[in-house]
Amino acid sequence: MHRVFVSVFVTLLLFVGGCISSISTGQESILTEIETANHCTVKLDCQQVESQCPFGCYVFVHKNEAANIERLIRDYKSTCDYGCMALKDYNCVQNKCIAFYE
């Protein structure tokens, strides 16, 4: 009986660990996509996309990449929530879209 319990317990731990790893990998993949899509030459290149936790309150990316990034964020199943500071403005600074807060 003890051996069966240990076997079931170990299997459950491996399953849960795999799920957590999968969630983390999905989040990391989206964060990488956001970073890659965040490039600009001028302010008009930047576009804000709708975001959710854990990707930040305000996500700005190149306008040509915005639809894809918004889809990735929207399809992610968020399990967190946080409050956001008011957005004052944004600009292209050193070839990155940067948000400024009040």
PDB file of N, CA and C in Angstrom:
ATOM      1  N   MET A   1       0.828  -1.189   0.000  1.00  0.00           N
ATOM      2  CA  MET A   1       0.000   0.000   0.000  1.00  0.00           C
ATOM      3  C   MET A   1       0.878   1.260   0.000  1.00  0.00           C
ATOM      4  N   HIS A   2       1.912   1.267   0.808  1.00  0.00           N
ATOM      5  CA  HIS A   2       2.826   2.400   0.892  1.00  0.00           C
ATOM      6  C   HIS A   2       3.487   2.656  -0.469  1.00  0.00           C
ATOM      7  N   ARG A   3       3.889   1.601  -1.144  1.00  0.00           N
ATOM      8  CA  ARG A   3       4.552   1.713  -2.440  1.00  0.00           C
ATOM      9  C   ARG A   3       3.606   2.336  -3.477  1.00  0.00           C
ATOM     10  N   VAL A   4       2.339   1.952  -3.455  1.00  0.00           N
ATOM     11  CA  VAL A   4       1.349   2.508  -4.379  1.00  0.00           C
ATOM     12  C   VAL A   4       1.158   3.997  -4.095  1.00  0.00           C
ATOM     13  N   PHE A   5       1.053   4.369  -2.828  1.00  0.00           N
ATOM     14  CA  PHE A   5       0.887   5.766  -2.445  1.00  0.00           C
ATOM     15  C   PHE A   5       2.070   6.597  -2.933  1.00  0.00           C
ATOM     16  N   VAL A   6       3.272   6.126  -2.720  1.00  0.00           N
ATOM     17  CA  VAL A   6       4.481   6.843  -3.144  1.00  0.00           C
ATOM     18  C   VAL A   6       4.489   6.990  -4.664  1.00  0.00           C
ATOM     19  N   SER A   7       4.140   5.936  -5.364  1.00  0.00           N
ATOM     20  CA  SER A   7       4.114   5.970  -6.824  1.00  0.00           C
ATOM     21  C   SER A   7       3.099   6.997  -7.338  1.00  0.00           C
ATOM     22  N   VAL A   8       1.913   7.008  -6.777  1.00  0.00           N
ATOM     23  CA  VAL A   8       0.879   7.969  -7.171  1.00  0.00           C
ATOM     24  C   VAL A   8       1.334   9.390  -6.825  1.00  0.00           C
ATOM     25  N   PHE A   9       1.927   9.579  -5.656  1.00  0.00           N
ATOM     26  CA  PHE A   9       2.395  10.890  -5.226  1.00  0.00           C
ATOM     27  C   PHE A   9       3.476  11.428  -6.167  1.00  0.00           C
ATOM     28  N   VAL A  10       4.445  10.608  -6.522  1.00  0.00           N
ATOM     29  CA  VAL A  10       5.528  11.015  -7.431  1.00  0.00           C
ATOM     30  C   VAL A  10       4.955  11.352  -8.798  1.00  0.00           C
ATOM     31  N   THR A  11       4.031  10.547  -9.303  1.00  0.00           N
ATOM     32  CA  THR A  11       3.410  10.815 -10.597  1.00  0.00           C
ATOM     33  C   THR A  11       2.677  12.144 -10.579  1.00  0.00           C
ATOM     34  N   LEU A  12       1.945  12.409  -9.499  1.00  0.00           N
ATOM     35  CA  LEU A  12       1.228  13.670  -9.358  1.00  0.00           C
ATOM     36  C   LEU A  12       2.189  14.850  -9.324  1.00  0.00           C
ATOM     37  N   LEU A  13       3.284  14.728  -8.602  1.00  0.00           N
ATOM     38  CA  LEU A  13       4.280  15.807  -8.551  1.00  0.00           C
ATOM     39  C   LEU A  13       4.865  16.088  -9.932  1.00  0.00           C
ATOM     40  N   LEU A  14       5.169  15.052 -10.677  1.00  0.00           N
ATOM     41  CA  LEU A  14       5.708  15.234 -12.030  1.00  0.00           C
ATOM     42  C   LEU A  14       4.690  15.916 -12.929  1.00  0.00           C
ATOM     43  N   PHE A  15       3.426  15.545 -12.813  1.00  0.00           N
ATOM     44  CA  PHE A  15       2.376  16.151 -13.617  1.00  0.00           C
ATOM     45  C   PHE A  15       2.235  17.635 -13.294  1.00  0.00           C
ATOM     46  N   VAL A  16       2.143  17.963 -12.018  1.00  0.00           N
ATOM     47  CA  VAL A  16       2.005  19.366 -11.594  1.00  0.00           C
ATOM     48  C   VAL A  16       3.234  20.162 -12.008  1.00  0.00           C
ATOM     49  N   GLY A  17       4.411  19.603 -11.830  1.00  0.00           N
ATOM     50  CA  GLY A  17       5.643  20.282 -12.246  1.00  0.00           C
ATOM     51  C   GLY A  17       5.649  20.556 -13.727  1.00  0.00           C
ATOM     52  N   GLY A  18       5.180  19.622 -14.525  1.00  0.00           N
ATOM     53  CA  GLY A  18       5.092  19.807 -15.967  1.00  0.00           C
ATOM     54  C   GLY A  18       4.119  20.903 -16.337  1.00  0.00           C
ATOM     55  N   CYS A  19       2.997  20.975 -15.630  1.00  0.00           N
ATOM     56  CA  CYS A  19       2.011  22.031 -15.896  1.00  0.00           C
ATOM     57  C   CYS A  19       2.587  23.401 -15.570  1.00  0.00           C
ATOM     58  N   ILE A  20       3.241  23.518 -14.434  1.00  0.00           N
ATOM     59  CA  ILE A  20       3.839  24.792 -14.041  1.00  0.00           C
ATOM     60  C   ILE A  20       4.915  25.194 -15.036  1.00  0.00           C
ATOM     61  N   SER A  21       5.731  24.267 -15.458  1.00  0.00           N
ATOM     62  CA  SER A  21       6.771  24.549 -16.438  1.00  0.00           C
ATOM     63  C   SER A  21       6.161  25.008 -17.753  1.00  0.00           C
ATOM     64  N   SER A  22       5.081  24.378 -18.168  1.00  0.00           N
ATOM     65  CA  SER A  22       4.399  24.745 -19.400  1.00  0.00           C
ATOM     66  C   SER A  22       3.849  26.160 -19.325  1.00  0.00           C
ATOM     67  N   ILE A  23       3.245  26.531 -18.191  1.00  0.00           N
ATOM     68  CA  ILE A  23       2.714  27.873 -18.007  1.00  0.00           C
ATOM     69  C   ILE A  23       3.844  28.888 -18.062  1.00  0.00           C
ATOM     70  N   SER A  24       4.919  28.616 -17.351  1.00  0.00           N
ATOM     71  CA  SER A  24       6.061  29.512 -17.327  1.00  0.00           C
ATOM     72  C   SER A  24       6.650  29.687 -18.721  1.00  0.00           C
ATOM     73  N   THR A  25       6.765  28.597 -19.460  1.00  0.00           N
ATOM     74  CA  THR A  25       7.312  28.657 -20.810  1.00  0.00           C
ATOM     75  C   THR A  25       6.433  29.516 -21.704  1.00  0.00           C
ATOM     76  N   GLY A  26       5.112  29.388 -21.613  1.00  0.00           N
ATOM     77  CA  GLY A  26       4.198  30.200 -22.406  1.00  0.00           C
ATOM     78  C   GLY A  26       4.357  31.672 -22.101  1.00  0.00           C
ATOM     79  N   GLN A  27       4.449  32.003 -20.834  1.00  0.00           N
ATOM     80  CA  GLN A  27       4.631  33.386 -20.411  1.00  0.00           C
ATOM     81  C   GLN A  27       5.961  33.924 -20.921  1.00  0.00           C
ATOM     82  N   GLU A  28       7.019  33.162 -20.759  1.00  0.00           N
ATOM     83  CA  GLU A  28       8.338  33.594 -21.218  1.00  0.00           C
ATOM     84  C   GLU A  28       8.357  33.791 -22.733  1.00  0.00           C
ATOM     85  N   SER A  29       7.689  32.920 -23.445  1.00  0.00           N
ATOM     86  CA  SER A  29       7.627  33.022 -24.899  1.00  0.00           C
ATOM     87  C   SER A  29       6.940  34.312 -25.333  1.00  0.00           C
ATOM     88  N   ILE A  30       5.841  34.656 -24.669  1.00  0.00           N
ATOM     89  CA  ILE A  30       5.118  35.887 -24.999  1.00  0.00           C
ATOM     90  C   ILE A  30       5.956  37.106 -24.641  1.00  0.00           C
ATOM     91  N   LEU A  31       6.617  37.079 -23.489  1.00  0.00           N
ATOM     92  CA  LEU A  31       7.494  38.193 -23.110  1.00  0.00           C
ATOM     93  C   LEU A  31       8.606  38.392 -24.133  1.00  0.00           C
ATOM     94  N   THR A  32       9.148  37.306 -24.646  1.00  0.00           N
ATOM     95  CA  THR A  32      10.182  37.391 -25.683  1.00  0.00           C
ATOM     96  C   THR A  32       9.619  38.000 -26.957  1.00  0.00           C
ATOM     97  N   GLU A  33       8.406  37.592 -27.328  1.00  0.00           N
ATOM     98  CA  GLU A  33       7.755  38.151 -28.526  1.00  0.00           C
ATOM     99  C   GLU A  33       7.508  39.650 -28.360  1.00  0.00           C
ATOM    100  N   ILE A  34       7.079  40.059 -27.165  1.00  0.00           N
ATOM    101  CA  ILE A  34       6.849  41.484 -26.897  1.00  0.00           C
ATOM    102  C   ILE A  34       8.152  42.257 -27.032  1.00  0.00           C
ATOM    103  N   GLU A  35       9.208  41.741 -26.439  1.00  0.00           N
ATOM    104  CA  GLU A  35      10.520  42.411 -26.508  1.00  0.00           C
ATOM    105  C   GLU A  35      11.001  42.527 -27.957  1.00  0.00           C
ATOM    106  N   THR A  36      10.830  41.468 -28.722  1.00  0.00           N
ATOM    107  CA  THR A  36      11.251  41.475 -30.132  1.00  0.00           C
ATOM    108  C   THR A  36      10.433  42.480 -30.940  1.00  0.00           C
ATOM    109  N   ALA A  37       9.149  42.599 -30.627  1.00  0.00           N
ATOM    110  CA  ALA A  37       8.253  43.495 -31.373  1.00  0.00           C
ATOM    111  C   ALA A  37       8.394  44.953 -30.948  1.00  0.00           C
ATOM    112  N   ASN A  38       9.106  45.205 -29.875  1.00  0.00           N
ATOM    113  CA  ASN A  38       9.271  46.568 -29.376  1.00  0.00           C
ATOM    114  C   ASN A  38      10.482  47.214 -30.036  1.00  0.00           C
ATOM    115  N   HIS A  39      10.240  47.756 -31.223  1.00  0.00           N
ATOM    116  CA  HIS A  39      11.280  48.490 -31.950  1.00  0.00           C
ATOM    117  C   HIS A  39      10.624  49.636 -32.701  1.00  0.00           C
ATOM    118  N   CYS A  40      11.359  50.704 -32.899  1.00  0.00           N
ATOM    119  CA  CYS A  40      10.806  51.871 -33.574  1.00  0.00           C
ATOM    120  C   CYS A  40      11.931  52.760 -34.083  1.00  0.00           C
ATOM    121  N   THR A  41      11.538  53.646 -34.975  1.00  0.00           N
ATOM    122  CA  THR A  41      12.432  54.703 -35.431  1.00  0.00           C
ATOM    123  C   THR A  41      11.888  56.052 -34.980  1.00  0.00           C
ATOM    124  N   VAL A  42      10.560  56.183 -35.025  1.00  0.00           N
ATOM    125  CA  VAL A  42       9.875  57.399 -34.589  1.00  0.00           C
ATOM    126  C   VAL A  42       8.657  57.005 -33.757  1.00  0.00           C
ATOM    127  N   LYS A  43       8.076  57.969 -33.039  1.00  0.00           N
ATOM    128  CA  LYS A  43       6.927  57.715 -32.174  1.00  0.00           C
ATOM    129  C   LYS A  43       5.773  57.071 -32.936  1.00  0.00           C
ATOM    130  N   LEU A  44       5.548  57.475 -34.171  1.00  0.00           N
ATOM    131  CA  LEU A  44       4.437  56.935 -34.962  1.00  0.00           C
ATOM    132  C   LEU A  44       4.568  55.428 -35.226  1.00  0.00           C
ATOM    133  N   ASP A  45       5.765  54.887 -35.064  1.00  0.00           N
ATOM    134  CA  ASP A  45       5.950  53.436 -35.210  1.00  0.00           C
ATOM    135  C   ASP A  45       5.329  52.666 -34.041  1.00  0.00           C
ATOM    136  N   CYS A  46       5.183  53.325 -32.891  1.00  0.00           N
ATOM    137  CA  CYS A  46       4.723  52.665 -31.669  1.00  0.00           C
ATOM    138  C   CYS A  46       3.204  52.603 -31.611  1.00  0.00           C
ATOM    139  N   GLN A  47       2.715  51.465 -31.160  1.00  0.00           N
ATOM    140  CA  GLN A  47       1.277  51.309 -30.949  1.00  0.00           C
ATOM    141  C   GLN A  47       1.056  50.577 -29.637  1.00  0.00           C
ATOM    142  N   GLN A  48       0.107  51.075 -28.849  1.00  0.00           N
ATOM    143  CA  GLN A  48      -0.247  50.420 -27.595  1.00  0.00           C
ATOM    144  C   GLN A  48      -1.175  49.248 -27.903  1.00  0.00           C
ATOM    145  N   VAL A  49      -0.927  48.119 -27.246  1.00  0.00           N
ATOM    146  CA  VAL A  49      -1.824  46.970 -27.371  1.00  0.00           C
ATOM    147  C   VAL A  49      -2.468  46.700 -26.019  1.00  0.00           C
ATOM    148  N   GLU A  50      -3.662  46.149 -26.052  1.00  0.00           N
ATOM    149  CA  GLU A  50      -4.346  45.812 -24.814  1.00  0.00           C
ATOM    150  C   GLU A  50      -3.560  44.726 -24.095  1.00  0.00           C
ATOM    151  N   SER A  51      -3.357  44.907 -22.808  1.00  0.00           N
ATOM    152  CA  SER A  51      -2.530  43.982 -22.053  1.00  0.00           C
ATOM    153  C   SER A  51      -3.270  43.460 -20.836  1.00  0.00           C
ATOM    154  N   GLN A  52      -2.629  42.547 -20.148  1.00  0.00           N
ATOM    155  CA  GLN A  52      -3.131  41.978 -18.906  1.00  0.00           C
ATOM    156  C   GLN A  52      -1.934  41.474 -18.106  1.00  0.00           C
ATOM    157  N   CYS A  53      -2.161  41.247 -16.837  1.00  0.00           N
ATOM    158  CA  CYS A  53      -1.146  40.674 -15.974  1.00  0.00           C
ATOM    159  C   CYS A  53      -0.783  39.283 -16.498  1.00  0.00           C
ATOM    160  N   PRO A  54       0.445  38.933 -16.624  1.00  0.00           N
ATOM    161  CA  PRO A  54       1.676  39.485 -16.066  1.00  0.00           C
ATOM    162  C   PRO A  54       2.535  40.257 -17.074  1.00  0.00           C
ATOM    163  N   PHE A  55       1.922  40.785 -18.136  1.00  0.00           N
ATOM    164  CA  PHE A  55       2.704  41.393 -19.210  1.00  0.00           C
ATOM    165  C   PHE A  55       2.851  42.897 -19.086  1.00  0.00           C
ATOM    166  N   GLY A  56       2.298  43.477 -18.047  1.00  0.00           N
ATOM    167  CA  GLY A  56       2.429  44.907 -17.831  1.00  0.00           C
ATOM    168  C   GLY A  56       1.125  45.626 -18.127  1.00  0.00           C
ATOM    169  N   CYS A  57       0.995  46.790 -17.558  1.00  0.00           N
ATOM    170  CA  CYS A  57      -0.222  47.578 -17.752  1.00  0.00           C
ATOM    171  C   CYS A  57      -0.300  48.158 -19.159  1.00  0.00           C
ATOM    172  N   TYR A  58       0.824  48.602 -19.654  1.00  0.00           N
ATOM    173  CA  TYR A  58       0.869  49.245 -20.960  1.00  0.00           C
ATOM    174  C   TYR A  58       1.954  48.586 -21.789  1.00  0.00           C
ATOM    175  N   VAL A  59       1.563  47.989 -22.880  1.00  0.00           N
ATOM    176  CA  VAL A  59       2.516  47.339 -23.774  1.00  0.00           C
ATOM    177  C   VAL A  59       2.513  48.113 -25.085  1.00  0.00           C
ATOM    178  N   PHE A  60       3.681  48.572 -25.474  1.00  0.00           N
ATOM    179  CA  PHE A  60       3.846  49.256 -26.750  1.00  0.00           C
ATOM    180  C   PHE A  60       4.781  48.433 -27.615  1.00  0.00           C
ATOM    181  N   VAL A  61       4.407  48.287 -28.880  1.00  0.00           N
ATOM    182  CA  VAL A  61       5.214  47.548 -29.847  1.00  0.00           C
ATOM    183  C   VAL A  61       5.128  48.267 -31.193  1.00  0.00           C
ATOM    184  N   HIS A  62       5.912  47.812 -32.135  1.00  0.00           N
ATOM    185  CA  HIS A  62       5.838  48.373 -33.484  1.00  0.00           C
ATOM    186  C   HIS A  62       4.450  48.118 -34.049  1.00  0.00           C
ATOM    187  N   LYS A  63       3.891  49.112 -34.720  1.00  0.00           N
ATOM    188  CA  LYS A  63       2.511  49.023 -35.220  1.00  0.00           C
ATOM    189  C   LYS A  63       2.288  47.814 -36.130  1.00  0.00           C
ATOM    190  N   ASN A  64       3.311  47.380 -36.857  1.00  0.00           N
ATOM    191  CA  ASN A  64       3.167  46.224 -37.737  1.00  0.00           C
ATOM    192  C   ASN A  64       3.102  44.903 -36.969  1.00  0.00           C
ATOM    193  N   GLU A  65       3.489  44.921 -35.709  1.00  0.00           N
ATOM    194  CA  GLU A  65       3.512  43.712 -34.873  1.00  0.00           C
ATOM    195  C   GLU A  65       2.355  43.686 -33.865  1.00  0.00           C
ATOM    196  N   ALA A  66       1.608  44.782 -33.791  1.00  0.00           N
ATOM    197  CA  ALA A  66       0.608  44.959 -32.736  1.00  0.00           C
ATOM    198  C   ALA A  66      -0.477  43.883 -32.739  1.00  0.00           C
ATOM    199  N   ALA A  67      -1.037  43.549 -33.881  1.00  0.00           N
ATOM    200  CA  ALA A  67      -2.137  42.570 -33.935  1.00  0.00           C
ATOM    201  C   ALA A  67      -1.686  41.210 -33.406  1.00  0.00           C
ATOM    202  N   ASN A  68      -0.495  40.775 -33.781  1.00  0.00           N
ATOM    203  CA  ASN A  68       0.020  39.488 -33.316  1.00  0.00           C
ATOM    204  C   ASN A  68       0.256  39.493 -31.808  1.00  0.00           C
ATOM    205  N   ILE A  69       0.857  40.551 -31.296  1.00  0.00           N
ATOM    206  CA  ILE A  69       1.135  40.633 -29.856  1.00  0.00           C
ATOM    207  C   ILE A  69      -0.168  40.696 -29.067  1.00  0.00           C
ATOM    208  N   GLU A  70      -1.124  41.468 -29.545  1.00  0.00           N
ATOM    209  CA  GLU A  70      -2.409  41.562 -28.858  1.00  0.00           C
ATOM    210  C   GLU A  70      -3.104  40.196 -28.805  1.00  0.00           C
ATOM    211  N   ARG A  71      -3.020  39.433 -29.883  1.00  0.00           N
ATOM    212  CA  ARG A  71      -3.607  38.091 -29.919  1.00  0.00           C
ATOM    213  C   ARG A  71      -2.928  37.174 -28.908  1.00  0.00           C
ATOM    214  N   LEU A  72      -1.594  37.207 -28.849  1.00  0.00           N
ATOM    215  CA  LEU A  72      -0.860  36.371 -27.897  1.00  0.00           C
ATOM    216  C   LEU A  72      -1.260  36.690 -26.462  1.00  0.00           C
ATOM    217  N   ILE A  73      -1.346  37.977 -26.139  1.00  0.00           N
ATOM    218  CA  ILE A  73      -1.709  38.394 -24.789  1.00  0.00           C
ATOM    219  C   ILE A  73      -3.159  38.013 -24.483  1.00  0.00           C
ATOM    220  N   ARG A  74      -4.044  38.253 -25.422  1.00  0.00           N
ATOM    221  CA  ARG A  74      -5.468  37.940 -25.219  1.00  0.00           C
ATOM    222  C   ARG A  74      -5.682  36.444 -24.997  1.00  0.00           C
ATOM    223  N   ASP A  75      -4.936  35.596 -25.714  1.00  0.00           N
ATOM    224  CA  ASP A  75      -5.105  34.147 -25.608  1.00  0.00           C
ATOM    225  C   ASP A  75      -4.465  33.552 -24.350  1.00  0.00           C
ATOM    226  N   TYR A  76      -3.620  34.331 -23.672  1.00  0.00           N
ATOM    227  CA  TYR A  76      -2.977  33.856 -22.445  1.00  0.00           C
ATOM    228  C   TYR A  76      -3.994  33.873 -21.306  1.00  0.00           C
ATOM    229  N   LYS A  77      -4.062  32.813 -20.565  1.00  0.00           N
ATOM    230  CA  LYS A  77      -4.992  32.708 -19.435  1.00  0.00           C
ATOM    231  C   LYS A  77      -4.346  33.318 -18.194  1.00  0.00           C
ATOM    232  N   SER A  78      -4.657  34.559 -17.932  1.00  0.00           N
ATOM    233  CA  SER A  78      -4.085  35.273 -16.794  1.00  0.00           C
ATOM    234  C   SER A  78      -4.677  34.780 -15.485  1.00  0.00           C
ATOM    235  N   THR A  79      -3.813  34.621 -14.498  1.00  0.00           N
ATOM    236  CA  THR A  79      -4.259  34.216 -13.166  1.00  0.00           C
ATOM    237  C   THR A  79      -3.838  35.250 -12.120  1.00  0.00           C
ATOM    238  N   CYS A  80      -3.524  36.452 -12.567  1.00  0.00           N
ATOM    239  CA  CYS A  80      -3.107  37.487 -11.626  1.00  0.00           C
ATOM    240  C   CYS A  80      -3.807  38.794 -11.971  1.00  0.00           C
ATOM    241  N   ASP A  81      -3.665  39.752 -11.085  1.00  0.00           N
ATOM    242  CA  ASP A  81      -4.298  41.046 -11.258  1.00  0.00           C
ATOM    243  C   ASP A  81      -3.459  42.075 -10.520  1.00  0.00           C
ATOM    244  N   TYR A  82      -3.403  43.290 -11.072  1.00  0.00           N
ATOM    245  CA  TYR A  82      -2.709  44.354 -10.360  1.00  0.00           C
ATOM    246  C   TYR A  82      -3.232  45.708 -10.799  1.00  0.00           C
ATOM    247  N   GLY A  83      -2.950  46.729 -10.007  1.00  0.00           N
ATOM    248  CA  GLY A  83      -3.341  48.085 -10.345  1.00  0.00           C
ATOM    249  C   GLY A  83      -2.261  48.739 -11.191  1.00  0.00           C
ATOM    250  N   CYS A  84      -2.676  49.733 -11.974  1.00  0.00           N
ATOM    251  CA  CYS A  84      -1.733  50.375 -12.885  1.00  0.00           C
ATOM    252  C   CYS A  84      -1.670  51.876 -12.633  1.00  0.00           C
ATOM    253  N   MET A  85      -0.486  52.422 -12.797  1.00  0.00           N
ATOM    254  CA  MET A  85      -0.302  53.870 -12.742  1.00  0.00           C
ATOM    255  C   MET A  85      -0.879  54.469 -14.014  1.00  0.00           C
ATOM    256  N   ALA A  86      -1.265  55.736 -13.949  1.00  0.00           N
ATOM    257  CA  ALA A  86      -1.812  56.414 -15.117  1.00  0.00           C
ATOM    258  C   ALA A  86      -0.710  56.640 -16.152  1.00  0.00           C
ATOM    259  N   LEU A  87      -1.051  56.380 -17.388  1.00  0.00           N
ATOM    260  CA  LEU A  87      -0.121  56.599 -18.493  1.00  0.00           C
ATOM    261  C   LEU A  87      -0.123  58.080 -18.848  1.00  0.00           C
ATOM    262  N   LYS A  88       1.063  58.668 -18.911  1.00  0.00           N
ATOM    263  CA  LYS A  88       1.179  60.079 -19.263  1.00  0.00           C
ATOM    264  C   LYS A  88       1.407  60.228 -20.763  1.00  0.00           C
ATOM    265  N   ASP A  89       2.325  59.453 -21.308  1.00  0.00           N
ATOM    266  CA  ASP A  89       2.667  59.553 -22.724  1.00  0.00           C
ATOM    267  C   ASP A  89       3.570  58.375 -23.080  1.00  0.00           C
ATOM    268  N   TYR A  90       3.961  58.311 -24.310  1.00  0.00           N
ATOM    269  CA  TYR A  90       4.918  57.315 -24.778  1.00  0.00           C
ATOM    270  C   TYR A  90       5.734  57.947 -25.892  1.00  0.00           C
ATOM    271  N   ASN A  91       6.879  57.333 -26.194  1.00  0.00           N
ATOM    272  CA  ASN A  91       7.723  57.853 -27.260  1.00  0.00           C
ATOM    273  C   ASN A  91       8.684  56.756 -27.697  1.00  0.00           C
ATOM    274  N   CYS A  92       9.336  56.998 -28.810  1.00  0.00           N
ATOM    275  CA  CYS A  92      10.391  56.117 -29.298  1.00  0.00           C
ATOM    276  C   CYS A  92      11.712  56.662 -28.749  1.00  0.00           C
ATOM    277  N   VAL A  93      12.337  55.893 -27.864  1.00  0.00           N
ATOM    278  CA  VAL A  93      13.583  56.313 -27.230  1.00  0.00           C
ATOM    279  C   VAL A  93      14.624  55.231 -27.475  1.00  0.00           C
ATOM    280  N   GLN A  94      15.697  55.605 -28.138  1.00  0.00           N
ATOM    281  CA  GLN A  94      16.772  54.666 -28.478  1.00  0.00           C
ATOM    282  C   GLN A  94      16.215  53.394 -29.131  1.00  0.00           C
ATOM    283  N   ASN A  95      15.324  53.617 -30.100  1.00  0.00           N
ATOM    284  CA  ASN A  95      14.729  52.554 -30.923  1.00  0.00           C
ATOM    285  C   ASN A  95      13.840  51.586 -30.151  1.00  0.00           C
ATOM    286  N   LYS A  96      13.310  52.024 -28.995  1.00  0.00           N
ATOM    287  CA  LYS A  96      12.352  51.236 -28.208  1.00  0.00           C
ATOM    288  C   LYS A  96      11.151  52.108 -27.878  1.00  0.00           C
ATOM    289  N   CYS A  97       9.971  51.514 -27.921  1.00  0.00           N
ATOM    290  CA  CYS A  97       8.755  52.214 -27.505  1.00  0.00           C
ATOM    291  C   CYS A  97       8.715  52.213 -25.981  1.00  0.00           C
ATOM    292  N   ILE A  98       8.706  53.410 -25.393  1.00  0.00           N
ATOM    293  CA  ILE A  98       8.799  53.553 -23.943  1.00  0.00           C
ATOM    294  C   ILE A  98       7.563  54.312 -23.430  1.00  0.00           C
ATOM    295  N   ALA A  99       6.952  53.786 -22.371  1.00  0.00           N
ATOM    296  CA  ALA A  99       5.807  54.445 -21.723  1.00  0.00           C
ATOM    297  C   ALA A  99       6.319  55.360 -20.619  1.00  0.00           C
ATOM    298  N   PHE A 100       5.632  56.498 -20.452  1.00  0.00           N
ATOM    299  CA  PHE A 100       5.929  57.432 -19.370  1.00  0.00           C
ATOM    300  C   PHE A 100       4.690  57.549 -18.491  1.00  0.00           C
ATOM    301  N   TYR A 101       4.879  57.541 -17.185  1.00  0.00           N
ATOM    302  CA  TYR A 101       3.776  57.545 -16.224  1.00  0.00           C
ATOM    303  C   TYR A 101       3.716  58.846 -15.472  1.00  0.00           C
ATOM    304  N   GLU A 102       2.521  59.164 -14.978  1.00  0.00           N
ATOM    305  CA  GLU A 102       2.322  60.395 -14.191  1.00  0.00           C
ATOM    306  C   GLU A 102       2.934  60.265 -12.822  1.00  0.00           C
TER     307      GLU A 102
END
